[in-house]
Amino acid sequence: MTKHVLDDVLLPAMTLRESALAANAAVMQAYVDRHRLRFAPHMKTHMAPALARRQIDLGAWGVTVASVQQALVAWRHGIHRVFIANEVLDPAGLAWIAGRRAEDPEADVLFQVDSAAGVAAAAEHGALPVLVEIGFPGGRTGVRSPEAGVALARTARDAGLDVRGVTGYEGGLPGPDEAREYVRGVLGATEAVRSLVTAPRTLLGMGGSAWFDAVVDAVADRPDDVDVLLRSGASLTHDDGFYAERTPFGRHPEEGRLESAIRVWGRVTSTPEAGLAIVAVGKRDISFDEGLPVVRELRPGGTAHARPVAPAPGSVTVARLDDQHCYLRLTDAAPAITPGDVVVLGISHPCTVFDKWRRVLVLADDDTVTDTIETEFR
């Protein structure tokens, strides 16, 4: 018998709405199929093998991760197409990558290089498959121009590495126009290195979760033998803040829409003065780096039988978080809130809420618990 999340679950608790997960996964896979892309969603967002498997079963090429440690998690759960969207210079990590084909001849574990030092370190472990990363001035990793990327690709080929293509990250740019111009430059470098690629198809890895529409625009006229590997990770769960404001589906609603799947449930423990309620949710439980949580619902009395109450916009807001406490500011328009009530919070930035939980509950639309998802952060 399924139970309501408020029947016997210790709060605070993080939950995922099953209907939103299913809808988001379908929307994103349809999007990449429609635009002739390959999808390698970034597993670092959630580090939940069950969620990664859900997307692969829908048609994703594999997964993206940020480190060899994360790649180990994917591999252990049977995911053997992995793009490590980072430079790898650690000898133990390079040795692990070098051993993958011996375990599975069909495995494809790729990583990035952006320096002669990185090329030299990788070459000590044989013909490892690499993508040359091209960044932009003031950005993160990556050589600073397409021309430098082409030159490094030649260096990698001459060192005996298996050059598979080029990669970049447009998410650090301020908007879609800047991202579009940058991706066009990366595409130009991709076209220039095709003669260095011995695989049947050249890869172009790209795509955060904010400007992937700019990626689609920029690569629309790519050569037929170039596969674009989109690695947007936050699309599966979406949010109520950072990505809700930036999602390409907001600019192109005809392409689909994403739903916020994540909620964090907490109980009101104190109403010590007028206009203030304290909830037992804090920085240990919820993301705060890209905006504070937002109040989506109240459950007066905090039981499974409580009817959800949606407060008027701006009447109940999160003003501050401590390690274990959330400060709610209440206006005169706020509904009555008393200790024992439950507050249901939406989040901003999925990548920094999952890492706070080892188990996440999956809910049906009636708030009954249907599954438990385990995370494996390293």
Protein backbone atom coordinates (compact mmCIF):
# COMPACT_ATOMS: atom_id res chain seq x y z
CA MET A 1 0.00 0.00 0.00
CA THR A 2 1.41 3.38 -1.00
CA LYS A 3 1.59 6.07 1.65
CA HIS A 4 1.31 9.82 1.49
CA VAL A 5 4.60 11.67 1.90
CA LEU A 6 3.30 13.21 5.13
CA ASP A 7 2.21 9.91 6.68
CA ASP A 8 5.51 8.82 8.20
CA VAL A 9 8.39 10.51 6.34
CA LEU A 10 10.84 12.42 8.48
CA LEU A 11 11.03 16.06 7.41
CA PRO A 12 12.75 17.80 5.82
CA ALA A 13 12.54 15.64 2.71
CA MET A 14 13.36 16.15 -0.94
CA THR A 15 10.91 14.81 -3.51
CA LEU A 16 10.59 14.45 -7.26
CA ARG A 17 7.27 14.52 -9.10
CA GLU A 18 7.10 11.45 -11.35
CA SER A 19 4.80 13.07 -13.91
CA ALA A 20 7.21 16.01 -14.29
CA LEU A 21 10.22 13.72 -14.68
CA ALA A 22 8.47 11.73 -17.40
CA ALA A 23 7.28 14.84 -19.23
CA ASN A 24 10.66 16.59 -19.08
CA ALA A 25 12.57 13.53 -20.28
CA ALA A 26 10.20 13.13 -23.22
CA VAL A 27 10.31 16.84 -24.14
CA MET A 28 14.10 16.96 -24.13
CA GLN A 29 14.58 13.76 -26.11
CA ALA A 30 12.04 14.94 -28.68
CA TYR A 31 13.93 18.24 -28.91
CA VAL A 32 17.31 16.66 -29.63
CA ASP A 33 15.76 14.21 -32.08
CA ARG A 34 13.99 17.03 -33.91
CA HIS A 35 17.24 18.97 -34.29
CA ARG A 36 19.35 15.92 -35.21
CA LEU A 37 21.51 16.04 -32.09
CA ARG A 38 22.83 13.37 -29.76
CA PHE A 39 22.06 13.66 -26.07
CA ALA A 40 24.48 12.99 -23.21
CA PRO A 41 22.73 14.58 -20.20
CA HIS A 42 25.06 15.73 -17.44
CA MET A 43 24.85 13.21 -14.62
CA LYS A 44 26.69 15.51 -12.19
CA THR A 45 23.39 17.33 -11.67
CA HIS A 46 21.84 14.45 -9.74
CA MET A 47 24.37 11.57 -9.63
CA ALA A 48 21.42 9.19 -9.55
CA PRO A 49 22.03 6.18 -11.82
CA ALA A 50 18.30 5.44 -12.01
CA LEU A 51 17.62 8.89 -13.47
CA ALA A 52 20.46 8.52 -15.96
CA ARG A 53 19.14 5.13 -17.03
CA ARG A 54 15.69 6.63 -17.58
CA GLN A 55 17.11 9.06 -20.15
CA ILE A 56 19.27 6.44 -21.87
CA ASP A 57 16.24 4.19 -22.23
CA LEU A 58 14.48 7.07 -24.02
CA GLY A 59 17.32 7.40 -26.53
CA ALA A 60 20.21 9.31 -24.96
CA TRP A 61 23.66 8.45 -26.37
CA GLY A 62 25.13 8.10 -22.88
CA VAL A 63 25.93 10.48 -20.05
CA THR A 64 28.22 13.39 -19.32
CA VAL A 65 30.10 13.58 -16.02
CA ALA A 66 32.55 16.04 -14.50
CA SER A 67 35.21 13.70 -13.13
CA VAL A 68 36.65 10.22 -13.31
CA GLN A 69 35.04 9.49 -9.93
CA GLN A 70 31.64 10.26 -11.42
CA ALA A 71 32.48 8.17 -14.49
CA LEU A 72 33.19 5.25 -12.16
CA VAL A 73 29.64 5.51 -10.80
CA ALA A 74 28.14 5.47 -14.29
CA TRP A 75 30.35 2.54 -15.33
CA ARG A 76 29.46 0.52 -12.25
CA HIS A 77 25.80 0.87 -13.17
CA GLY A 78 26.31 -0.37 -16.72
CA ILE A 79 26.59 2.98 -18.50
CA HIS A 80 29.62 2.62 -20.76
CA ARG A 81 29.23 5.65 -23.01
CA VAL A 82 30.58 8.46 -20.89
CA PHE A 83 31.88 11.91 -21.76
CA ILE A 84 34.04 13.39 -18.99
CA ALA A 85 33.51 17.10 -19.64
CA ASN A 86 36.75 18.06 -17.98
CA GLU A 87 40.49 17.80 -18.37
CA VAL A 88 42.00 14.64 -16.85
CA LEU A 89 45.66 14.75 -15.79
CA ASP A 90 45.55 12.43 -12.79
CA PRO A 91 47.60 9.30 -13.66
CA ALA A 92 45.21 6.97 -11.84
CA GLY A 93 42.25 8.44 -13.70
CA LEU A 94 43.99 8.16 -17.06
CA ALA A 95 44.93 4.56 -16.30
CA TRP A 96 41.30 3.77 -15.50
CA ILE A 97 40.13 5.31 -18.79
CA ALA A 98 42.79 3.33 -20.66
CA GLY A 99 41.44 0.07 -19.24
CA ARG A 100 37.81 0.50 -20.27
CA ARG A 101 38.03 -1.09 -23.72
CA ALA A 102 39.60 -4.21 -22.20
CA GLU A 103 36.46 -4.66 -20.10
CA ASP A 104 34.02 -3.68 -22.85
CA PRO A 105 35.20 -3.40 -26.47
CA GLU A 106 32.15 -1.23 -27.25
CA ALA A 107 32.85 1.24 -24.44
CA ASP A 108 33.37 4.91 -25.25
CA VAL A 109 34.85 6.98 -22.42
CA LEU A 110 35.95 10.39 -23.70
CA PHE A 111 37.57 13.35 -21.99
CA GLN A 112 38.89 16.84 -22.76
CA VAL A 113 42.36 18.26 -23.36
CA ASP A 114 43.24 21.95 -23.49
CA SER A 115 47.04 22.03 -23.13
CA ALA A 116 50.23 20.41 -24.31
CA ALA A 117 50.72 19.18 -20.74
CA GLY A 118 47.34 17.47 -20.84
CA VAL A 119 48.15 15.87 -24.18
CA ALA A 120 51.48 14.59 -22.87
CA ALA A 121 49.91 13.15 -19.71
CA ALA A 122 47.21 11.36 -21.71
CA ALA A 123 49.63 10.04 -24.33
CA GLU A 124 51.55 8.12 -21.65
CA HIS A 125 48.52 5.83 -21.42
CA GLY A 126 48.10 5.05 -25.10
CA ALA A 127 45.68 6.15 -27.80
CA LEU A 128 43.03 7.56 -25.49
CA PRO A 129 39.95 9.20 -27.06
CA VAL A 130 39.92 12.96 -26.51
CA LEU A 131 38.06 16.09 -27.52
CA VAL A 132 39.94 19.38 -27.67
CA GLU A 133 38.22 22.00 -25.54
CA ILE A 134 37.82 25.53 -26.83
CA GLY A 135 36.82 28.15 -24.28
CA PHE A 136 36.60 31.94 -24.43
CA PRO A 137 38.49 34.84 -22.81
CA GLY A 138 37.45 35.27 -19.20
CA GLY A 139 35.76 31.89 -19.18
CA ARG A 140 36.66 28.61 -17.61
CA THR A 141 38.89 25.91 -19.14
CA GLY A 142 39.68 25.49 -22.83
CA VAL A 143 42.14 27.08 -25.22
CA ARG A 144 41.17 30.66 -25.93
CA SER A 145 40.56 30.58 -29.68
CA PRO A 146 39.38 28.19 -32.38
CA GLU A 147 42.78 28.50 -34.06
CA ALA A 148 44.52 27.36 -30.89
CA GLY A 149 42.09 24.46 -30.71
CA VAL A 150 42.97 23.26 -34.20
CA ALA A 151 46.68 23.51 -33.39
CA LEU A 152 46.24 21.50 -30.19
CA ALA A 153 44.25 18.86 -32.07
CA ARG A 154 47.25 18.39 -34.37
CA THR A 155 49.52 18.10 -31.35
CA ALA A 156 47.22 15.47 -29.84
CA ARG A 157 47.11 13.49 -33.07
CA ASP A 158 50.89 13.61 -33.42
CA ALA A 159 51.23 12.39 -29.82
CA GLY A 160 49.21 9.29 -30.69
CA LEU A 161 45.89 10.26 -29.10
CA ASP A 162 42.58 9.35 -30.70
CA VAL A 163 41.23 12.80 -31.56
CA ARG A 164 37.44 12.52 -31.74
CA GLY A 165 36.51 16.17 -32.18
CA VAL A 166 36.06 19.43 -30.31
CA THR A 167 34.07 20.54 -27.29
CA GLY A 168 33.08 23.75 -25.52
CA TYR A 169 30.73 25.23 -22.95
CA GLU A 170 28.54 28.20 -23.77
CA GLY A 171 26.71 28.29 -20.42
CA GLY A 172 29.17 30.78 -18.94
CA LEU A 173 28.29 33.46 -21.47
CA PRO A 174 25.77 36.19 -20.61
CA GLY A 175 23.11 35.37 -23.19
CA PRO A 176 22.07 33.45 -26.29
CA ASP A 177 23.51 35.95 -28.77
CA GLU A 178 27.00 35.69 -27.30
CA ALA A 179 26.60 31.92 -27.04
CA ARG A 180 25.57 31.63 -30.68
CA GLU A 181 28.65 33.53 -31.89
CA TYR A 182 30.94 31.45 -29.70
CA VAL A 183 29.48 28.12 -30.85
CA ARG A 184 29.91 29.14 -34.49
CA GLY A 185 33.62 29.55 -33.83
CA VAL A 186 33.80 26.14 -32.16
CA LEU A 187 31.95 24.60 -35.10
CA GLY A 188 34.51 26.13 -37.45
CA ALA A 189 37.28 24.46 -35.49
CA THR A 190 35.37 21.18 -35.56
CA GLU A 191 35.18 21.33 -39.33
CA ALA A 192 38.91 22.07 -39.51
CA VAL A 193 39.90 19.02 -37.43
CA ARG A 194 37.77 16.49 -39.31
CA SER A 195 40.81 15.32 -41.27
CA LEU A 196 42.51 14.42 -37.96
CA VAL A 197 39.63 12.23 -36.80
CA THR A 198 39.93 8.54 -37.68
CA ALA A 199 36.47 7.61 -36.34
CA PRO A 200 33.64 7.59 -38.90
CA ARG A 201 32.07 10.68 -37.34
CA THR A 202 33.46 13.82 -35.71
CA LEU A 203 32.02 14.95 -32.38
CA LEU A 204 31.17 18.47 -31.26
CA GLY A 205 30.31 18.48 -27.56
CA MET A 206 28.31 21.46 -26.34
CA GLY A 207 25.42 22.58 -24.25
CA GLY A 208 24.52 23.78 -20.77
CA SER A 209 20.86 24.06 -19.79
CA ALA A 210 20.35 27.79 -20.45
CA TRP A 211 21.44 28.56 -24.03
CA PHE A 212 21.14 25.27 -25.91
CA ASP A 213 18.81 26.94 -28.40
CA ALA A 214 21.81 29.05 -29.44
CA VAL A 215 23.74 25.82 -29.98
CA VAL A 216 20.98 24.51 -32.23
CA ASP A 217 21.00 27.73 -34.27
CA ALA A 218 24.78 27.79 -34.62
CA VAL A 219 25.18 24.18 -35.77
CA ALA A 220 22.18 24.00 -38.09
CA ASP A 221 24.37 23.89 -41.22
CA ARG A 222 27.04 21.54 -39.87
CA PRO A 223 28.56 18.88 -42.14
CA ASP A 224 26.69 15.58 -42.30
CA ASP A 225 29.52 13.68 -40.61
CA VAL A 226 29.54 15.88 -37.48
CA ASP A 227 27.53 14.72 -34.47
CA VAL A 228 26.61 17.38 -31.91
CA LEU A 229 26.59 15.96 -28.40
CA LEU A 230 24.30 18.09 -26.22
CA ARG A 231 24.89 17.65 -22.50
CA SER A 232 22.19 19.69 -20.75
CA GLY A 233 21.69 18.17 -17.30
CA ALA A 234 19.18 20.35 -15.44
CA SER A 235 16.38 19.80 -17.95
CA LEU A 236 15.24 16.52 -16.37
CA THR A 237 14.16 18.11 -13.11
CA HIS A 238 14.13 21.81 -14.06
CA ASP A 239 13.58 24.35 -11.24
CA ASP A 240 11.59 27.36 -10.06
CA GLY A 241 14.39 29.91 -10.30
CA PHE A 242 17.64 30.07 -12.24
CA TYR A 243 16.70 27.78 -15.13
CA ALA A 244 13.01 28.70 -15.10
CA GLU A 245 14.15 32.22 -15.99
CA ARG A 246 16.60 31.10 -18.69
CA THR A 247 15.24 27.95 -20.30
CA PRO A 248 15.24 27.99 -24.11
CA PHE A 249 11.68 26.69 -23.97
CA GLY A 250 10.67 30.05 -22.52
CA ARG A 251 12.03 31.73 -25.66
CA HIS A 252 10.62 29.04 -27.95
CA PRO A 253 7.41 27.72 -26.37
CA GLU A 254 6.48 25.95 -29.58
CA GLU A 255 9.34 23.51 -28.85
CA GLY A 256 7.81 22.32 -25.57
CA ARG A 257 7.92 23.17 -21.89
CA LEU A 258 9.64 21.87 -18.79
CA GLU A 259 8.06 21.38 -15.38
CA SER A 260 9.71 21.81 -12.01
CA ALA A 261 9.95 18.32 -10.50
CA ILE A 262 11.83 19.13 -7.28
CA ARG A 263 10.26 20.00 -3.95
CA VAL A 264 11.70 20.19 -0.46
CA TRP A 265 9.20 19.70 2.35
CA GLY A 266 9.77 21.23 5.77
CA ARG A 267 7.77 21.80 8.93
CA VAL A 268 7.16 25.15 10.60
CA THR A 269 8.76 24.98 14.04
CA SER A 270 8.25 28.53 15.30
CA THR A 271 6.34 31.75 14.67
CA PRO A 272 8.22 33.92 17.17
CA GLU A 273 7.00 37.34 16.03
CA ALA A 274 4.54 38.93 13.67
CA GLY A 275 5.52 38.51 10.04
CA LEU A 276 8.01 35.70 10.66
CA ALA A 277 7.83 31.91 10.51
CA ILE A 278 10.76 29.54 10.89
CA VAL A 279 10.87 26.28 8.93
CA ALA A 280 13.22 23.40 9.69
CA VAL A 281 14.94 23.52 6.29
CA GLY A 282 18.37 25.06 5.78
CA LYS A 283 21.51 25.21 3.71
CA ARG A 284 22.17 21.56 4.55
CA ASP A 285 18.93 20.63 2.77
CA ILE A 286 18.35 22.96 -0.17
CA SER A 287 20.19 24.96 -2.83
CA PHE A 288 20.89 28.66 -2.33
CA ASP A 289 23.84 29.54 -4.62
CA GLU A 290 21.69 30.74 -7.55
CA GLY A 291 18.76 32.19 -5.64
CA LEU A 292 16.74 31.36 -2.55
CA PRO A 293 13.95 28.78 -2.49
CA VAL A 294 10.39 29.80 -3.31
CA VAL A 295 7.26 28.84 -1.40
CA ARG A 296 4.98 26.79 -3.65
CA GLU A 297 2.43 25.45 -1.16
CA LEU A 298 1.41 25.37 2.47
CA ARG A 299 -0.13 22.33 4.15
CA PRO A 300 -2.02 23.63 7.22
CA GLY A 301 -1.75 21.17 10.08
CA GLY A 302 0.95 19.27 8.23
CA THR A 303 -0.94 16.02 7.72
CA ALA A 304 -1.76 13.93 4.67
CA HIS A 305 -5.34 15.19 4.86
CA ALA A 306 -4.40 18.87 4.67
CA ARG A 307 -5.57 20.64 1.53
CA PRO A 308 -2.75 22.49 -0.28
CA VAL A 309 -2.87 26.26 0.02
CA ALA A 310 -1.06 28.39 -2.57
CA PRO A 311 -0.14 31.71 -0.95
CA ALA A 312 -0.70 34.90 -2.91
CA PRO A 313 2.38 35.95 -4.88
CA GLY A 314 4.85 37.74 -2.63
CA SER A 315 2.91 37.10 0.56
CA VAL A 316 5.18 34.32 1.88
CA THR A 317 8.82 34.56 0.85
CA VAL A 318 12.12 33.05 1.91
CA ALA A 319 14.21 35.87 3.33
CA ARG A 320 17.20 33.94 4.61
CA LEU A 321 18.66 30.48 5.23
CA ASP A 322 20.83 29.30 8.10
CA ASP A 323 22.35 25.83 8.23
CA GLN A 324 19.13 24.25 9.53
CA HIS A 325 16.57 27.09 9.48
CA CYS A 326 14.55 28.91 6.84
CA TYR A 327 13.18 32.40 7.59
CA LEU A 328 9.79 33.10 6.00
CA ARG A 329 8.66 36.71 5.76
CA LEU A 330 4.88 37.08 5.85
CA THR A 331 2.89 40.04 4.60
CA ASP A 332 -0.64 40.96 5.68
CA ALA A 333 -1.89 38.97 2.66
CA ALA A 334 -0.27 35.74 3.88
CA PRO A 335 -2.47 32.90 5.07
CA ALA A 336 -2.28 32.02 8.75
CA ILE A 337 0.80 29.94 9.51
CA THR A 338 1.32 28.10 12.79
CA PRO A 339 3.90 25.66 14.15
CA GLY A 340 3.25 22.19 12.77
CA ASP A 341 2.22 23.40 9.32
CA VAL A 342 4.23 22.09 6.38
CA VAL A 343 5.81 24.33 3.75
CA VAL A 344 6.57 22.95 0.28
CA LEU A 345 9.50 24.73 -1.34
CA GLY A 346 10.59 24.97 -4.95
CA ILE A 347 14.28 25.35 -5.65
CA SER A 348 16.71 27.30 -7.80
CA HIS A 349 19.61 25.34 -9.36
CA PRO A 350 19.10 21.55 -9.24
CA CYS A 351 22.84 20.80 -9.24
CA THR A 352 23.29 22.00 -5.67
CA VAL A 353 20.27 20.39 -4.04
CA PHE A 354 20.75 16.75 -5.05
CA ASP A 355 24.18 16.58 -3.42
CA LYS A 356 22.55 17.20 -0.05
CA TRP A 357 20.49 14.01 -0.22
CA ARG A 358 21.38 10.31 -0.42
CA ARG A 359 17.77 9.25 -0.96
CA VAL A 360 15.10 11.21 -2.79
CA LEU A 361 11.43 10.26 -2.76
CA VAL A 362 9.44 10.03 -5.98
CA LEU A 363 5.80 11.10 -5.70
CA ALA A 364 2.67 10.54 -7.73
CA ASP A 365 0.46 13.55 -8.35
CA ASP A 366 -1.53 12.71 -5.21
CA ASP A 367 1.69 12.96 -3.14
CA THR A 368 1.91 9.24 -2.46
CA VAL A 369 5.43 7.81 -2.45
CA THR A 370 5.99 5.52 -5.44
CA ASP A 371 9.76 5.08 -5.45
CA THR A 372 13.04 6.06 -3.83
CA ILE A 373 15.97 7.30 -5.91
CA GLU A 374 19.49 6.91 -4.52
CA THR A 375 22.30 9.35 -5.31
CA GLU A 376 26.01 8.49 -5.42
CA PHE A 377 28.09 11.65 -5.11
CA ARG A 378 31.87 11.41 -5.13
